[in-house]
């Protein structure tokens, strides 16, 4: 290898290759991961989700709910914690991208003001993931076994003898009085 009229010696090439290697295999992946992580975080909460006009009633009902911060501890679940799967990173990112593209399309080229959200509520099992519930409620199975009332309700779920999802029984979890807020939004139009 020559630079100008001088030949680079092996002693000079090795440090250059090490620096290039560090940049290529450590710095660039780290920066890529950092950008990806920040992007995922920035697009996972209600503040981002309500930038679309049609999400207003959902944000209001979420804020009024125990999962939206209306609790003694101030703990607040983000939209992504419930509405994206947490079983593995690929599924999470794929579903986030697919849902985001769909929502963006509907918001810009569809008719979001005329979506029958009450009818869509019947399909809540498709939009809320048990893996999200169980990420926060990690001790649910142990607590269920300690309480007869909870045991009766949750035993078939933990034994895998039912196809029910968390939101099958907990219909309005995450969005207290959603129909009220949807009705108010309809009246404002």
C-alpha atoms as a PDB file:
ATOM      1  CA  UNK A   1       0.000   0.000   0.000  1.00  0.00           C
ATOM      2  CA  UNK A   2       1.405   3.406  -0.891  1.00  0.00           C
ATOM      3  CA  UNK A   3       0.536   6.873   0.235  1.00  0.00           C
ATOM      4  CA  UNK A   4       2.130   9.467  -1.947  1.00  0.00           C
ATOM      5  CA  UNK A   5       5.574   8.046  -2.629  1.00  0.00           C
ATOM      6  CA  UNK A   6       5.950   6.400   0.776  1.00  0.00           C
ATOM      7  CA  UNK A   7       5.168   2.796   1.388  1.00  0.00           C
ATOM      8  CA  UNK A   8       3.136   2.017   4.531  1.00  0.00           C
ATOM      9  CA  UNK A   9       4.794  -0.609   6.638  1.00  0.00           C
ATOM     10  CA  UNK A  10       2.943  -3.360   8.468  1.00  0.00           C
ATOM     11  CA  UNK A  11       3.614  -1.562  11.749  1.00  0.00           C
ATOM     12  CA  UNK A  12       1.705   1.440  10.416  1.00  0.00           C
ATOM     13  CA  UNK A  13      -1.152  -0.540   8.847  1.00  0.00           C
ATOM     14  CA  UNK A  14      -2.023  -2.535  11.984  1.00  0.00           C
ATOM     15  CA  UNK A  15      -2.973   0.510  14.148  1.00  0.00           C
ATOM     16  CA  UNK A  16      -5.053   1.892  11.262  1.00  0.00           C
ATOM     17  CA  UNK A  17      -6.864  -1.443  10.873  1.00  0.00           C
ATOM     18  CA  UNK A  18      -7.488  -1.592  14.628  1.00  0.00           C
ATOM     19  CA  UNK A  19      -8.997   1.911  14.623  1.00  0.00           C
ATOM     20  CA  UNK A  20     -11.149   1.123  11.572  1.00  0.00           C
ATOM     21  CA  UNK A  21     -12.202  -2.166  13.203  1.00  0.00           C
ATOM     22  CA  UNK A  22     -13.171  -0.443  16.447  1.00  0.00           C
ATOM     23  CA  UNK A  23     -15.239   2.096  14.543  1.00  0.00           C
ATOM     24  CA  UNK A  24     -16.851  -0.539  12.317  1.00  0.00           C
ATOM     25  CA  UNK A  25     -17.573  -3.178  14.952  1.00  0.00           C
ATOM     26  CA  UNK A  26     -18.106  -1.183  18.156  1.00  0.00           C
ATOM     27  CA  UNK A  27     -18.867   2.495  17.575  1.00  0.00           C
ATOM     28  CA  UNK A  28     -21.242   2.171  14.594  1.00  0.00           C
ATOM     29  CA  UNK A  29     -23.339  -0.666  16.099  1.00  0.00           C
ATOM     30  CA  UNK A  30     -23.517   1.245  19.398  1.00  0.00           C
ATOM     31  CA  UNK A  31     -24.694   4.427  17.661  1.00  0.00           C
ATOM     32  CA  UNK A  32     -27.173   2.395  15.600  1.00  0.00           C
ATOM     33  CA  UNK A  33     -28.521   0.693  18.738  1.00  0.00           C
ATOM     34  CA  UNK A  34     -28.755   4.047  20.548  1.00  0.00           C
ATOM     35  CA  UNK A  35     -30.708   5.665  17.701  1.00  0.00           C
ATOM     36  CA  UNK A  36     -33.024   2.644  17.442  1.00  0.00           C
ATOM     37  CA  UNK A  37     -33.626   2.519  21.196  1.00  0.00           C
ATOM     38  CA  UNK A  38     -34.334   6.248  21.422  1.00  0.00           C
ATOM     39  CA  UNK A  39     -36.686   6.044  18.423  1.00  0.00           C
ATOM     40  CA  UNK A  40     -38.602   3.149  19.961  1.00  0.00           C
ATOM     41  CA  UNK A  41     -38.881   4.951  23.305  1.00  0.00           C
ATOM     42  CA  UNK A  42     -39.976   8.232  21.709  1.00  0.00           C
ATOM     43  CA  UNK A  43     -42.737   6.523  19.718  1.00  0.00           C
ATOM     44  CA  UNK A  44     -44.116   4.303  22.485  1.00  0.00           C
ATOM     45  CA  UNK A  45     -46.045   6.594  24.800  1.00  0.00           C
ATOM     46  CA  UNK A  46     -49.328   8.478  24.726  1.00  0.00           C
ATOM     47  CA  UNK A  47     -47.641  11.796  23.975  1.00  0.00           C
ATOM     48  CA  UNK A  48     -46.562  10.409  20.593  1.00  0.00           C
ATOM     49  CA  UNK A  49     -49.668   8.313  19.936  1.00  0.00           C
ATOM     50  CA  UNK A  50     -52.077  11.238  20.413  1.00  0.00           C
ATOM     51  CA  UNK A  51     -50.367  13.287  17.723  1.00  0.00           C
ATOM     52  CA  UNK A  52     -53.061  11.706  15.561  1.00  0.00           C
ATOM     53  CA  UNK A  53     -56.404  13.463  16.103  1.00  0.00           C
ATOM     54  CA  UNK A  54     -58.387  10.226  16.395  1.00  0.00           C
ATOM     55  CA  UNK A  55     -56.412   9.050  19.446  1.00  0.00           C
ATOM     56  CA  UNK A  56     -57.618  11.868  21.751  1.00  0.00           C
ATOM     57  CA  UNK A  57     -60.422   9.901  23.460  1.00  0.00           C
ATOM     58  CA  UNK A  58     -58.085   6.974  24.068  1.00  0.00           C
ATOM     59  CA  UNK A  59     -55.500   9.196  25.745  1.00  0.00           C
ATOM     60  CA  UNK A  60     -58.166  10.793  27.975  1.00  0.00           C
ATOM     61  CA  UNK A  61     -59.573   7.430  29.058  1.00  0.00           C
ATOM     62  CA  UNK A  62     -56.060   6.068  29.590  1.00  0.00           C
ATOM     63  CA  UNK A  63     -55.111   9.032  31.796  1.00  0.00           C
ATOM     64  CA  UNK A  64     -58.238   8.405  33.909  1.00  0.00           C
ATOM     65  CA  UNK A  65     -57.322   4.721  34.333  1.00  0.00           C
ATOM     66  CA  UNK A  66     -55.137   3.141  37.007  1.00  0.00           C
ATOM     67  CA  UNK A  67     -52.792   1.997  34.214  1.00  0.00           C
ATOM     68  CA  UNK A  68     -52.591   5.573  32.946  1.00  0.00           C
ATOM     69  CA  UNK A  69     -51.218   6.953  36.191  1.00  0.00           C
ATOM     70  CA  UNK A  70     -54.439   7.418  38.196  1.00  0.00           C
ATOM     71  CA  UNK A  71     -53.068   5.360  41.073  1.00  0.00           C
ATOM     72  CA  UNK A  72     -51.371   5.980  44.414  1.00  0.00           C
ATOM     73  CA  UNK A  73     -47.921   5.192  43.016  1.00  0.00           C
ATOM     74  CA  UNK A  74     -47.986   7.297  39.844  1.00  0.00           C
ATOM     75  CA  UNK A  75     -47.044   4.279  37.751  1.00  0.00           C
ATOM     76  CA  UNK A  76     -48.079   4.736  34.137  1.00  0.00           C
ATOM     77  CA  UNK A  77     -48.110   2.116  31.389  1.00  0.00           C
ATOM     78  CA  UNK A  78     -47.198   3.352  27.928  1.00  0.00           C
ATOM     79  CA  UNK A  79     -49.282   2.522  24.863  1.00  0.00           C
ATOM     80  CA  UNK A  80     -46.587   0.132  23.636  1.00  0.00           C
ATOM     81  CA  UNK A  81     -46.486  -1.749  26.934  1.00  0.00           C
ATOM     82  CA  UNK A  82     -50.028  -2.986  26.299  1.00  0.00           C
ATOM     83  CA  UNK A  83     -50.521  -2.721  22.546  1.00  0.00           C
ATOM     84  CA  UNK A  84     -47.338  -4.440  21.367  1.00  0.00           C
ATOM     85  CA  UNK A  85     -46.213  -8.026  22.008  1.00  0.00           C
ATOM     86  CA  UNK A  86     -43.334  -8.557  24.418  1.00  0.00           C
ATOM     87  CA  UNK A  87     -42.594 -12.200  23.657  1.00  0.00           C
ATOM     88  CA  UNK A  88     -39.473 -11.390  21.603  1.00  0.00           C
ATOM     89  CA  UNK A  89     -37.706  -8.375  20.120  1.00  0.00           C
ATOM     90  CA  UNK A  90     -38.346  -9.287  16.482  1.00  0.00           C
ATOM     91  CA  UNK A  91     -42.099  -9.663  17.015  1.00  0.00           C
ATOM     92  CA  UNK A  92     -42.164  -6.406  19.000  1.00  0.00           C
ATOM     93  CA  UNK A  93     -40.359  -4.417  16.289  1.00  0.00           C
ATOM     94  CA  UNK A  94     -42.254  -6.059  13.419  1.00  0.00           C
ATOM     95  CA  UNK A  95     -45.647  -5.412  15.047  1.00  0.00           C
ATOM     96  CA  UNK A  96     -44.627  -1.850  15.953  1.00  0.00           C
ATOM     97  CA  UNK A  97     -43.657  -1.136  12.337  1.00  0.00           C
ATOM     98  CA  UNK A  98     -46.724  -2.855  10.878  1.00  0.00           C
ATOM     99  CA  UNK A  99     -49.124  -1.119  13.272  1.00  0.00           C
ATOM    100  CA  UNK A 100     -47.418   2.243  12.832  1.00  0.00           C
ATOM    101  CA  UNK A 101     -47.584   2.076   9.037  1.00  0.00           C
ATOM    102  CA  UNK A 102     -51.232   0.967   9.168  1.00  0.00           C
ATOM    103  CA  UNK A 103     -52.220   3.736  11.590  1.00  0.00           C
ATOM    104  CA  UNK A 104     -50.334   6.354   9.586  1.00  0.00           C
ATOM    105  CA  UNK A 105     -52.086   5.209   6.407  1.00  0.00           C
ATOM    106  CA  UNK A 106     -55.563   5.247   7.982  1.00  0.00           C
ATOM    107  CA  UNK A 107     -54.960   8.628   9.614  1.00  0.00           C
ATOM    108  CA  UNK A 108     -53.828  10.246   6.350  1.00  0.00           C
ATOM    109  CA  UNK A 109     -55.752   8.383   3.658  1.00  0.00           C
ATOM    110  CA  UNK A 110     -58.626   6.726   5.520  1.00  0.00           C
ATOM    111  CA  UNK A 111     -61.583   8.081   7.440  1.00  0.00           C
ATOM    112  CA  UNK A 112     -60.596   7.831  11.128  1.00  0.00           C
ATOM    113  CA  UNK A 113     -63.469  10.037  12.306  1.00  0.00           C
ATOM    114  CA  UNK A 114     -65.972   7.416  11.145  1.00  0.00           C
ATOM    115  CA  UNK A 115     -64.348   4.340  12.680  1.00  0.00           C
ATOM    116  CA  UNK A 116     -66.772   2.508  14.956  1.00  0.00           C
ATOM    117  CA  UNK A 117     -64.462   2.180  17.954  1.00  0.00           C
ATOM    118  CA  UNK A 118     -67.166   0.576  20.108  1.00  0.00           C
ATOM    119  CA  UNK A 119     -67.497  -2.239  17.548  1.00  0.00           C
ATOM    120  CA  UNK A 120     -63.698  -2.581  17.383  1.00  0.00           C
ATOM    121  CA  UNK A 121     -63.672  -3.021  21.175  1.00  0.00           C
ATOM    122  CA  UNK A 122     -65.092  -6.501  20.586  1.00  0.00           C
ATOM    123  CA  UNK A 123     -61.757  -7.387  18.951  1.00  0.00           C
ATOM    124  CA  UNK A 124     -59.610  -6.081  21.817  1.00  0.00           C
ATOM    125  CA  UNK A 125     -57.806  -9.442  22.115  1.00  0.00           C
ATOM    126  CA  UNK A 126     -56.123  -8.600  18.783  1.00  0.00           C
ATOM    127  CA  UNK A 127     -54.825  -5.225  20.025  1.00  0.00           C
ATOM    128  CA  UNK A 128     -53.764  -5.969  23.610  1.00  0.00           C
ATOM    129  CA  UNK A 129     -51.092  -8.568  24.293  1.00  0.00           C
ATOM    130  CA  UNK A 130     -50.946 -10.821  27.346  1.00  0.00           C
ATOM    131  CA  UNK A 131     -47.151 -10.678  27.189  1.00  0.00           C
ATOM    132  CA  UNK A 132     -47.470  -6.958  27.922  1.00  0.00           C
ATOM    133  CA  UNK A 133     -49.737  -7.574  30.908  1.00  0.00           C
ATOM    134  CA  UNK A 134     -47.448 -10.256  32.288  1.00  0.00           C
ATOM    135  CA  UNK A 135     -44.353  -8.099  31.867  1.00  0.00           C
ATOM    136  CA  UNK A 136     -45.648  -5.829  34.634  1.00  0.00           C
ATOM    137  CA  UNK A 137     -47.785  -8.344  36.508  1.00  0.00           C
ATOM    138  CA  UNK A 138     -44.910 -10.795  36.914  1.00  0.00           C
ATOM    139  CA  UNK A 139     -46.130 -12.108  40.272  1.00  0.00           C
ATOM    140  CA  UNK A 140     -49.701 -12.718  39.119  1.00  0.00           C
ATOM    141  CA  UNK A 141     -49.411 -16.492  38.984  1.00  0.00           C
ATOM    142  CA  UNK A 142     -47.877 -16.699  42.466  1.00  0.00           C
ATOM    143  CA  UNK A 143     -50.427 -14.219  43.873  1.00  0.00           C
ATOM    144  CA  UNK A 144     -53.237 -16.126  42.168  1.00  0.00           C
ATOM    145  CA  UNK A 145     -52.227 -19.351  43.886  1.00  0.00           C
ATOM    146  CA  UNK A 146     -52.329 -17.578  47.270  1.00  0.00           C
ATOM    147  CA  UNK A 147     -55.882 -16.254  46.809  1.00  0.00           C
ATOM    148  CA  UNK A 148     -58.824 -18.615  46.347  1.00  0.00           C
ATOM    149  CA  UNK A 149     -60.868 -15.987  44.502  1.00  0.00           C
ATOM    150  CA  UNK A 150     -58.024 -15.156  42.110  1.00  0.00           C
ATOM    151  CA  UNK A 151     -57.138 -18.839  41.764  1.00  0.00           C
ATOM    152  CA  UNK A 152     -60.606 -19.708  40.505  1.00  0.00           C
ATOM    153  CA  UNK A 153     -60.444 -16.896  37.942  1.00  0.00           C
ATOM    154  CA  UNK A 154     -56.874 -17.380  36.702  1.00  0.00           C
ATOM    155  CA  UNK A 155     -56.138 -21.104  37.125  1.00  0.00           C
ATOM    156  CA  UNK A 156     -57.421 -22.138  33.648  1.00  0.00           C
ATOM    157  CA  UNK A 157     -55.313 -19.371  32.111  1.00  0.00           C
ATOM    158  CA  UNK A 158     -52.088 -20.447  33.800  1.00  0.00           C
ATOM    159  CA  UNK A 159     -52.809 -24.127  33.141  1.00  0.00           C
ATOM    160  CA  UNK A 160     -53.336 -23.310  29.465  1.00  0.00           C
ATOM    161  CA  UNK A 161     -56.816 -24.839  29.396  1.00  0.00           C
ATOM    162  CA  UNK A 162     -58.506 -21.707  28.022  1.00  0.00           C
ATOM    163  CA  UNK A 163     -58.012 -19.511  24.991  1.00  0.00           C
ATOM    164  CA  UNK A 164     -59.126 -16.449  26.953  1.00  0.00           C
ATOM    165  CA  UNK A 165     -56.784 -13.483  27.031  1.00  0.00           C
ATOM    166  CA  UNK A 166     -56.337 -11.006  29.880  1.00  0.00           C
ATOM    167  CA  UNK A 167     -58.682  -8.496  28.200  1.00  0.00           C
ATOM    168  CA  UNK A 168     -61.358 -11.144  27.670  1.00  0.00           C
ATOM    169  CA  UNK A 169     -62.239 -10.748  31.342  1.00  0.00           C
ATOM    170  CA  UNK A 170     -60.643  -7.359  32.026  1.00  0.00           C
ATOM    171  CA  UNK A 171     -62.594  -5.655  29.214  1.00  0.00           C
ATOM    172  CA  UNK A 172     -61.886  -2.015  29.982  1.00  0.00           C
ATOM    173  CA  UNK A 173     -58.402  -2.297  31.436  1.00  0.00           C
ATOM    174  CA  UNK A 174     -56.243   0.651  30.456  1.00  0.00           C
ATOM    175  CA  UNK A 175     -59.118   2.811  29.230  1.00  0.00           C
ATOM    176  CA  UNK A 176     -61.617   3.747  31.941  1.00  0.00           C
ATOM    177  CA  UNK A 177     -64.913   5.112  30.568  1.00  0.00           C
ATOM    178  CA  UNK A 178     -63.691   4.851  26.977  1.00  0.00           C
ATOM    179  CA  UNK A 179     -67.223   4.957  25.552  1.00  0.00           C
ATOM    180  CA  UNK A 180     -67.861   8.222  27.415  1.00  0.00           C
ATOM    181  CA  UNK A 181     -64.772   9.835  25.892  1.00  0.00           C
ATOM    182  CA  UNK A 182     -65.586   8.468  22.433  1.00  0.00           C
ATOM    183  CA  UNK A 183     -69.099   9.893  22.724  1.00  0.00           C
ATOM    184  CA  UNK A 184     -67.748  13.287  23.820  1.00  0.00           C
ATOM    185  CA  UNK A 185     -65.372  13.340  20.847  1.00  0.00           C
ATOM    186  CA  UNK A 186     -68.240  12.491  18.483  1.00  0.00           C
ATOM    187  CA  UNK A 187     -70.333  15.334  19.968  1.00  0.00           C
ATOM    188  CA  UNK A 188     -67.471  17.812  19.418  1.00  0.00           C
ATOM    189  CA  UNK A 189     -67.357  17.072  15.664  1.00  0.00           C
END
